[in-house]
Amino acid sequence: MHRPLALAALLAIPVLAVLFHGLRASPLRPLSGHLAGLALYWTLLALAVARCGGWSLRLRPPSAAVLLALAALVLACALWAGTAPARLSWPVLAAVALAALINGTLEEAFWRGALIPRPGPGAQALAAALFVLWHLAPAVGAAGLDMPGGAGGILAGAALIAPLMMAARLSSGTAGAGALAHVLANFLVFARIAADNGMPV
């Protein structure tokens, strides 16, 4: 476990939660405010992974069981998203794809990479707990969004994917396979959220 990064992540969570709360109360549209909060989060992740080693996004196949689980995750997200991607305009769809790409790659590079260069059992558990705990911050901002499951859904989703993405990291040796699945899942989920919150269709 990279202890300085773990401490920085723990301290950043309440600060980001306050930020998301403030953005929710700002004149910005709820989805725009949420995206602004995520942009700061992504900037912090990018700075962290740029300064720290111990991570790789090289695509290496995980075990067959993990690969099937990742495929099941993406399929479940596709079923949940339904026709949302097809209902979005091309500019909005491109923005959704970019947000998914940034979020999925940076989260895997940080939470399953830089944070745990040598992922022993204790480090794995702590990294997973911090990952779920971080989602309290965007959950605060989710109150202003039309989102099935609301804040609870965000935390449940994080708790679901944390062990799965960790398994992909452990069985493949890199965060690449997890990042690919994470990006695909994010694209589908973000598309549904964009469609449900009045983005141009």
C-alpha atoms as a PDB file:
ATOM      1  CA  MET A   1       0.000   0.000   0.000  1.00  0.00           C
ATOM      2  CA  HIS A   2       1.261   3.455  -0.924  1.00  0.00           C
ATOM      3  CA  ARG A   3       0.550   5.026   2.468  1.00  0.00           C
ATOM      4  CA  PRO A   4       0.929   8.716   1.500  1.00  0.00           C
ATOM      5  CA  LEU A   5      -1.534   8.226  -1.350  1.00  0.00           C
ATOM      6  CA  ALA A   6      -3.947   6.362   0.926  1.00  0.00           C
ATOM      7  CA  LEU A   7      -3.810   9.174   3.468  1.00  0.00           C
ATOM      8  CA  ALA A   8      -4.269  11.809   0.756  1.00  0.00           C
ATOM      9  CA  ALA A   9      -7.291   9.926  -0.603  1.00  0.00           C
ATOM     10  CA  LEU A  10      -8.824   9.622   2.859  1.00  0.00           C
ATOM     11  CA  LEU A  11      -8.388  13.344   3.533  1.00  0.00           C
ATOM     12  CA  ALA A  12      -9.714  14.296   0.094  1.00  0.00           C
ATOM     13  CA  ILE A  13     -13.005  12.415   0.499  1.00  0.00           C
ATOM     14  CA  PRO A  14     -14.703  14.856   2.941  1.00  0.00           C
ATOM     15  CA  VAL A  15     -13.350  17.846   0.992  1.00  0.00           C
ATOM     16  CA  LEU A  16     -14.811  16.491  -2.240  1.00  0.00           C
ATOM     17  CA  ALA A  17     -18.078  15.677  -0.487  1.00  0.00           C
ATOM     18  CA  VAL A  18     -18.373  19.313   0.601  1.00  0.00           C
ATOM     19  CA  LEU A  19     -17.555  20.393  -2.951  1.00  0.00           C
ATOM     20  CA  PHE A  20     -20.260  18.161  -4.445  1.00  0.00           C
ATOM     21  CA  HIS A  21     -22.738  19.485  -1.886  1.00  0.00           C
ATOM     22  CA  GLY A  22     -21.849  23.072  -2.818  1.00  0.00           C
ATOM     23  CA  LEU A  23     -22.154  22.351  -6.517  1.00  0.00           C
ATOM     24  CA  ARG A  24     -25.551  20.771  -5.948  1.00  0.00           C
ATOM     25  CA  ALA A  25     -26.720  24.030  -4.381  1.00  0.00           C
ATOM     26  CA  SER A  26     -25.098  26.209  -7.064  1.00  0.00           C
ATOM     27  CA  PRO A  27     -26.890  27.799 -10.054  1.00  0.00           C
ATOM     28  CA  LEU A  28     -25.412  25.104 -12.313  1.00  0.00           C
ATOM     29  CA  ARG A  29     -27.690  22.433 -13.691  1.00  0.00           C
ATOM     30  CA  PRO A  30     -27.421  19.330 -11.460  1.00  0.00           C
ATOM     31  CA  LEU A  31     -25.643  17.236 -14.086  1.00  0.00           C
ATOM     32  CA  SER A  32     -23.242  20.091 -14.957  1.00  0.00           C
ATOM     33  CA  GLY A  33     -22.396  20.593 -11.296  1.00  0.00           C
ATOM     34  CA  HIS A  34     -21.815  16.870 -10.854  1.00  0.00           C
ATOM     35  CA  LEU A  35     -19.493  16.843 -13.864  1.00  0.00           C
ATOM     36  CA  ALA A  36     -17.549  19.812 -12.458  1.00  0.00           C
ATOM     37  CA  GLY A  37     -16.971  17.885  -9.237  1.00  0.00           C
ATOM     38  CA  LEU A  38     -15.836  14.837 -11.168  1.00  0.00           C
ATOM     39  CA  ALA A  39     -13.451  16.986 -13.209  1.00  0.00           C
ATOM     40  CA  LEU A  40     -11.629  18.038 -10.038  1.00  0.00           C
ATOM     41  CA  TYR A  41     -11.536  14.418  -8.860  1.00  0.00           C
ATOM     42  CA  TRP A  42     -10.083  13.328 -12.209  1.00  0.00           C
ATOM     43  CA  THR A  43      -7.456  16.065 -12.018  1.00  0.00           C
ATOM     44  CA  LEU A  44      -6.355  14.834  -8.594  1.00  0.00           C
ATOM     45  CA  LEU A  45      -6.200  11.237  -9.836  1.00  0.00           C
ATOM     46  CA  ALA A  46      -4.186  12.276 -12.890  1.00  0.00           C
ATOM     47  CA  LEU A  47      -1.676  14.149 -10.727  1.00  0.00           C
ATOM     48  CA  ALA A  48      -1.346  11.154  -8.413  1.00  0.00           C
ATOM     49  CA  VAL A  49      -0.768   8.560 -11.141  1.00  0.00           C
ATOM     50  CA  ALA A  50       1.633  10.901 -12.954  1.00  0.00           C
ATOM     51  CA  ARG A  51       3.786  11.194  -9.836  1.00  0.00           C
ATOM     52  CA  CYS A  52       3.662   7.558  -8.736  1.00  0.00           C
ATOM     53  CA  GLY A  53       4.712   4.303 -10.317  1.00  0.00           C
ATOM     54  CA  GLY A  54       3.420   0.833  -9.565  1.00  0.00           C
ATOM     55  CA  TRP A  55       0.596   0.878 -12.086  1.00  0.00           C
ATOM     56  CA  SER A  56       0.061  -0.362 -15.601  1.00  0.00           C
ATOM     57  CA  LEU A  57      -2.886  -0.269 -17.985  1.00  0.00           C
ATOM     58  CA  ARG A  58      -1.367  -2.827 -20.347  1.00  0.00           C
ATOM     59  CA  LEU A  59      -4.119  -5.127 -21.596  1.00  0.00           C
ATOM     60  CA  ARG A  60      -3.486  -8.638 -20.333  1.00  0.00           C
ATOM     61  CA  PRO A  61      -6.299 -11.173 -20.067  1.00  0.00           C
ATOM     62  CA  PRO A  62      -7.384 -12.065 -16.532  1.00  0.00           C
ATOM     63  CA  SER A  63      -8.462 -15.569 -15.584  1.00  0.00           C
ATOM     64  CA  ALA A  64     -11.438 -17.061 -17.417  1.00  0.00           C
ATOM     65  CA  ALA A  65     -13.677 -16.719 -14.361  1.00  0.00           C
ATOM     66  CA  VAL A  66     -12.800 -13.036 -13.919  1.00  0.00           C
ATOM     67  CA  LEU A  67     -13.224 -12.388 -17.638  1.00  0.00           C
ATOM     68  CA  LEU A  68     -16.725 -13.874 -17.501  1.00  0.00           C
ATOM     69  CA  ALA A  69     -17.536 -11.755 -14.449  1.00  0.00           C
ATOM     70  CA  LEU A  70     -16.352  -8.595 -16.216  1.00  0.00           C
ATOM     71  CA  ALA A  71     -18.465  -9.472 -19.248  1.00  0.00           C
ATOM     72  CA  ALA A  72     -21.472 -10.060 -16.982  1.00  0.00           C
ATOM     73  CA  LEU A  73     -20.944  -6.651 -15.389  1.00  0.00           C
ATOM     74  CA  VAL A  74     -20.913  -4.884 -18.758  1.00  0.00           C
ATOM     75  CA  LEU A  75     -23.969  -6.840 -19.905  1.00  0.00           C
ATOM     76  CA  ALA A  76     -25.858  -5.896 -16.739  1.00  0.00           C
ATOM     77  CA  CYS A  77     -25.003  -2.238 -17.339  1.00  0.00           C
ATOM     78  CA  ALA A  78     -26.164  -2.535 -20.949  1.00  0.00           C
ATOM     79  CA  LEU A  79     -29.496  -3.950 -19.809  1.00  0.00           C
ATOM     80  CA  TRP A  80     -29.849  -1.158 -17.249  1.00  0.00           C
ATOM     81  CA  ALA A  81     -28.988   1.526 -19.809  1.00  0.00           C
ATOM     82  CA  GLY A  82     -31.489   0.178 -22.306  1.00  0.00           C
ATOM     83  CA  THR A  83     -31.946   2.504 -25.263  1.00  0.00           C
ATOM     84  CA  ALA A  84     -30.355   5.512 -23.540  1.00  0.00           C
ATOM     85  CA  PRO A  85     -27.209   5.665 -25.728  1.00  0.00           C
ATOM     86  CA  ALA A  86     -29.312   5.650 -28.898  1.00  0.00           C
ATOM     87  CA  ARG A  87     -31.474   8.488 -27.552  1.00  0.00           C
ATOM     88  CA  LEU A  88     -28.565  10.906 -27.043  1.00  0.00           C
ATOM     89  CA  SER A  89     -27.353  13.381 -29.646  1.00  0.00           C
ATOM     90  CA  TRP A  90     -23.908  12.736 -31.129  1.00  0.00           C
ATOM     91  CA  PRO A  91     -22.200  15.602 -29.209  1.00  0.00           C
ATOM     92  CA  VAL A  92     -23.660  14.386 -25.900  1.00  0.00           C
ATOM     93  CA  LEU A  93     -22.741  10.793 -26.722  1.00  0.00           C
ATOM     94  CA  ALA A  94     -19.169  11.911 -27.424  1.00  0.00           C
ATOM     95  CA  ALA A  95     -19.038  13.757 -24.082  1.00  0.00           C
ATOM     96  CA  VAL A  96     -20.385  10.671 -22.301  1.00  0.00           C
ATOM     97  CA  ALA A  97     -17.757   8.492 -23.999  1.00  0.00           C
ATOM     98  CA  LEU A  98     -14.972  10.910 -23.016  1.00  0.00           C
ATOM     99  CA  ALA A  99     -16.155  11.043 -19.395  1.00  0.00           C
ATOM    100  CA  ALA A 100     -16.309   7.240 -19.275  1.00  0.00           C
ATOM    101  CA  LEU A 101     -12.831   6.916 -20.762  1.00  0.00           C
ATOM    102  CA  ILE A 102     -11.325   9.379 -18.304  1.00  0.00           C
ATOM    103  CA  ASN A 103     -13.105   7.992 -15.259  1.00  0.00           C
ATOM    104  CA  GLY A 104     -12.546   4.317 -15.995  1.00  0.00           C
ATOM    105  CA  THR A 105      -8.856   4.585 -16.858  1.00  0.00           C
ATOM    106  CA  LEU A 106      -7.901   6.999 -14.082  1.00  0.00           C
ATOM    107  CA  GLU A 107      -9.811   5.108 -11.388  1.00  0.00           C
ATOM    108  CA  GLU A 108      -8.190   1.798 -12.295  1.00  0.00           C
ATOM    109  CA  ALA A 109      -4.731   3.366 -12.645  1.00  0.00           C
ATOM    110  CA  PHE A 110      -5.102   4.898  -9.175  1.00  0.00           C
ATOM    111  CA  TRP A 111      -7.262   2.592  -7.032  1.00  0.00           C
ATOM    112  CA  ARG A 112      -5.999  -0.698  -8.469  1.00  0.00           C
ATOM    113  CA  GLY A 113      -2.588   0.581  -9.525  1.00  0.00           C
ATOM    114  CA  ALA A 114      -0.640   3.429  -7.943  1.00  0.00           C
ATOM    115  CA  LEU A 115      -2.327   2.950  -4.575  1.00  0.00           C
ATOM    116  CA  ILE A 116      -1.279  -0.704  -4.344  1.00  0.00           C
ATOM    117  CA  PRO A 117       1.997  -1.292  -6.206  1.00  0.00           C
ATOM    118  CA  ARG A 118       2.351  -4.563  -4.250  1.00  0.00           C
ATOM    119  CA  PRO A 119      -1.230  -5.684  -3.562  1.00  0.00           C
ATOM    120  CA  GLY A 120      -1.050  -7.849  -0.455  1.00  0.00           C
ATOM    121  CA  PRO A 121      -4.301  -8.933   1.228  1.00  0.00           C
ATOM    122  CA  GLY A 122      -4.374  -5.976   3.634  1.00  0.00           C
ATOM    123  CA  ALA A 123      -3.641  -3.472   0.880  1.00  0.00           C
ATOM    124  CA  GLN A 124      -6.365  -4.982  -1.309  1.00  0.00           C
ATOM    125  CA  ALA A 125      -8.971  -4.672   1.429  1.00  0.00           C
ATOM    126  CA  LEU A 126      -7.995  -1.111   2.315  1.00  0.00           C
ATOM    127  CA  ALA A 127      -7.916  -0.006  -1.328  1.00  0.00           C
ATOM    128  CA  ALA A 128     -11.378  -1.478  -1.889  1.00  0.00           C
ATOM    129  CA  ALA A 129     -12.722   0.209   1.254  1.00  0.00           C
ATOM    130  CA  LEU A 130     -11.282   3.583   0.250  1.00  0.00           C
ATOM    131  CA  PHE A 131     -12.713   3.212  -3.251  1.00  0.00           C
ATOM    132  CA  VAL A 132     -16.206   2.623  -1.870  1.00  0.00           C
ATOM    133  CA  LEU A 133     -15.767   5.380   0.703  1.00  0.00           C
ATOM    134  CA  TRP A 134     -14.758   7.884  -1.991  1.00  0.00           C
ATOM    135  CA  HIS A 135     -18.137   7.346  -3.639  1.00  0.00           C
ATOM    136  CA  LEU A 136     -19.764   9.065  -0.665  1.00  0.00           C
ATOM    137  CA  ALA A 137     -18.622  12.335  -2.271  1.00  0.00           C
ATOM    138  CA  PRO A 138     -20.487  12.004  -5.596  1.00  0.00           C
ATOM    139  CA  ALA A 139     -23.365  10.378  -3.703  1.00  0.00           C
ATOM    140  CA  VAL A 140     -23.843  13.710  -1.915  1.00  0.00           C
ATOM    141  CA  GLY A 141     -24.263  15.420  -5.272  1.00  0.00           C
ATOM    142  CA  ALA A 142     -26.519  12.697  -6.648  1.00  0.00           C
ATOM    143  CA  ALA A 143     -29.466  14.034  -4.629  1.00  0.00           C
ATOM    144  CA  GLY A 144     -30.042  16.623  -7.357  1.00  0.00           C
ATOM    145  CA  LEU A 145     -30.034  14.065 -10.166  1.00  0.00           C
ATOM    146  CA  ASP A 146     -32.726  11.835 -11.563  1.00  0.00           C
ATOM    147  CA  MET A 147     -30.923   8.563 -10.943  1.00  0.00           C
ATOM    148  CA  PRO A 148     -32.469   5.175 -10.142  1.00  0.00           C
ATOM    149  CA  GLY A 149     -31.120   4.059  -6.789  1.00  0.00           C
ATOM    150  CA  GLY A 150     -29.803   7.533  -5.973  1.00  0.00           C
ATOM    151  CA  ALA A 151     -26.926   7.787  -3.519  1.00  0.00           C
ATOM    152  CA  GLY A 152     -27.439   4.211  -2.357  1.00  0.00           C
ATOM    153  CA  GLY A 153     -27.111   2.990  -5.926  1.00  0.00           C
ATOM    154  CA  ILE A 154     -23.761   4.754  -6.319  1.00  0.00           C
ATOM    155  CA  LEU A 155     -22.359   3.137  -3.179  1.00  0.00           C
ATOM    156  CA  ALA A 156     -23.791  -0.273  -4.074  1.00  0.00           C
ATOM    157  CA  GLY A 157     -22.263  -0.063  -7.546  1.00  0.00           C
ATOM    158  CA  ALA A 158     -18.855   0.818  -6.094  1.00  0.00           C
ATOM    159  CA  ALA A 159     -19.077  -2.042  -3.594  1.00  0.00           C
ATOM    160  CA  LEU A 160     -19.974  -4.411  -6.431  1.00  0.00           C
ATOM    161  CA  ILE A 161     -17.149  -3.507  -8.787  1.00  0.00           C
ATOM    162  CA  ALA A 162     -14.360  -3.007  -6.219  1.00  0.00           C
ATOM    163  CA  PRO A 163     -13.653  -6.727  -5.627  1.00  0.00           C
ATOM    164  CA  LEU A 164     -14.238  -7.563  -9.286  1.00  0.00           C
ATOM    165  CA  MET A 165     -11.754  -4.985 -10.544  1.00  0.00           C
ATOM    166  CA  MET A 166      -9.282  -6.064  -7.882  1.00  0.00           C
ATOM    167  CA  ALA A 167      -9.622  -9.659  -9.061  1.00  0.00           C
ATOM    168  CA  ALA A 168      -8.868  -8.488 -12.609  1.00  0.00           C
ATOM    169  CA  ARG A 169      -5.779  -6.663 -11.361  1.00  0.00           C
ATOM    170  CA  LEU A 170      -4.528  -9.681  -9.426  1.00  0.00           C
ATOM    171  CA  SER A 171      -5.176 -12.306 -12.085  1.00  0.00           C
ATOM    172  CA  SER A 172      -3.745 -10.285 -14.986  1.00  0.00           C
ATOM    173  CA  GLY A 173      -1.002  -8.383 -13.174  1.00  0.00           C
ATOM    174  CA  THR A 174      -2.167  -5.027 -14.544  1.00  0.00           C
ATOM    175  CA  ALA A 175      -5.158  -2.707 -14.331  1.00  0.00           C
ATOM    176  CA  GLY A 176      -5.758  -2.857 -18.088  1.00  0.00           C
ATOM    177  CA  ALA A 177      -8.573  -5.408 -18.295  1.00  0.00           C
ATOM    178  CA  GLY A 178     -10.359  -3.798 -15.360  1.00  0.00           C
ATOM    179  CA  ALA A 179      -9.992  -0.386 -16.969  1.00  0.00           C
ATOM    180  CA  LEU A 180     -11.539  -1.589 -20.232  1.00  0.00           C
ATOM    181  CA  ALA A 181     -14.533  -3.106 -18.425  1.00  0.00           C
ATOM    182  CA  HIS A 182     -14.799  -0.022 -16.197  1.00  0.00           C
ATOM    183  CA  VAL A 183     -14.874   2.314 -19.209  1.00  0.00           C
ATOM    184  CA  LEU A 184     -17.568   0.255 -20.958  1.00  0.00           C
ATOM    185  CA  ALA A 185     -19.689   0.061 -17.798  1.00  0.00           C
ATOM    186  CA  ASN A 186     -19.260   3.791 -17.164  1.00  0.00           C
ATOM    187  CA  PHE A 187     -20.268   4.627 -20.727  1.00  0.00           C
ATOM    188  CA  LEU A 188     -23.536   2.750 -20.377  1.00  0.00           C
ATOM    189  CA  VAL A 189     -24.319   4.095 -16.905  1.00  0.00           C
ATOM    190  CA  PHE A 190     -23.364   7.676 -17.806  1.00  0.00           C
ATOM    191  CA  ALA A 191     -25.486   7.483 -20.964  1.00  0.00           C
ATOM    192  CA  ARG A 192     -28.549   6.470 -18.924  1.00  0.00           C
ATOM    193  CA  ILE A 193     -27.917   9.265 -16.412  1.00  0.00           C
ATOM    194  CA  ALA A 194     -27.468  11.833 -19.207  1.00  0.00           C
ATOM    195  CA  ALA A 195     -30.665  10.717 -20.919  1.00  0.00           C
ATOM    196  CA  ASP A 196     -32.643  10.741 -17.661  1.00  0.00           C
ATOM    197  CA  ASN A 197     -31.439  14.215 -16.738  1.00  0.00           C
ATOM    198  CA  GLY A 198     -32.528  16.151 -19.771  1.00  0.00           C
ATOM    199  CA  MET A 199     -29.429  16.134 -21.937  1.00  0.00           C
ATOM    200  CA  PRO A 200     -30.214  16.771 -25.622  1.00  0.00           C
ATOM    201  CA  VAL A 201     -31.563  13.711 -27.389  1.00  0.00           C
END
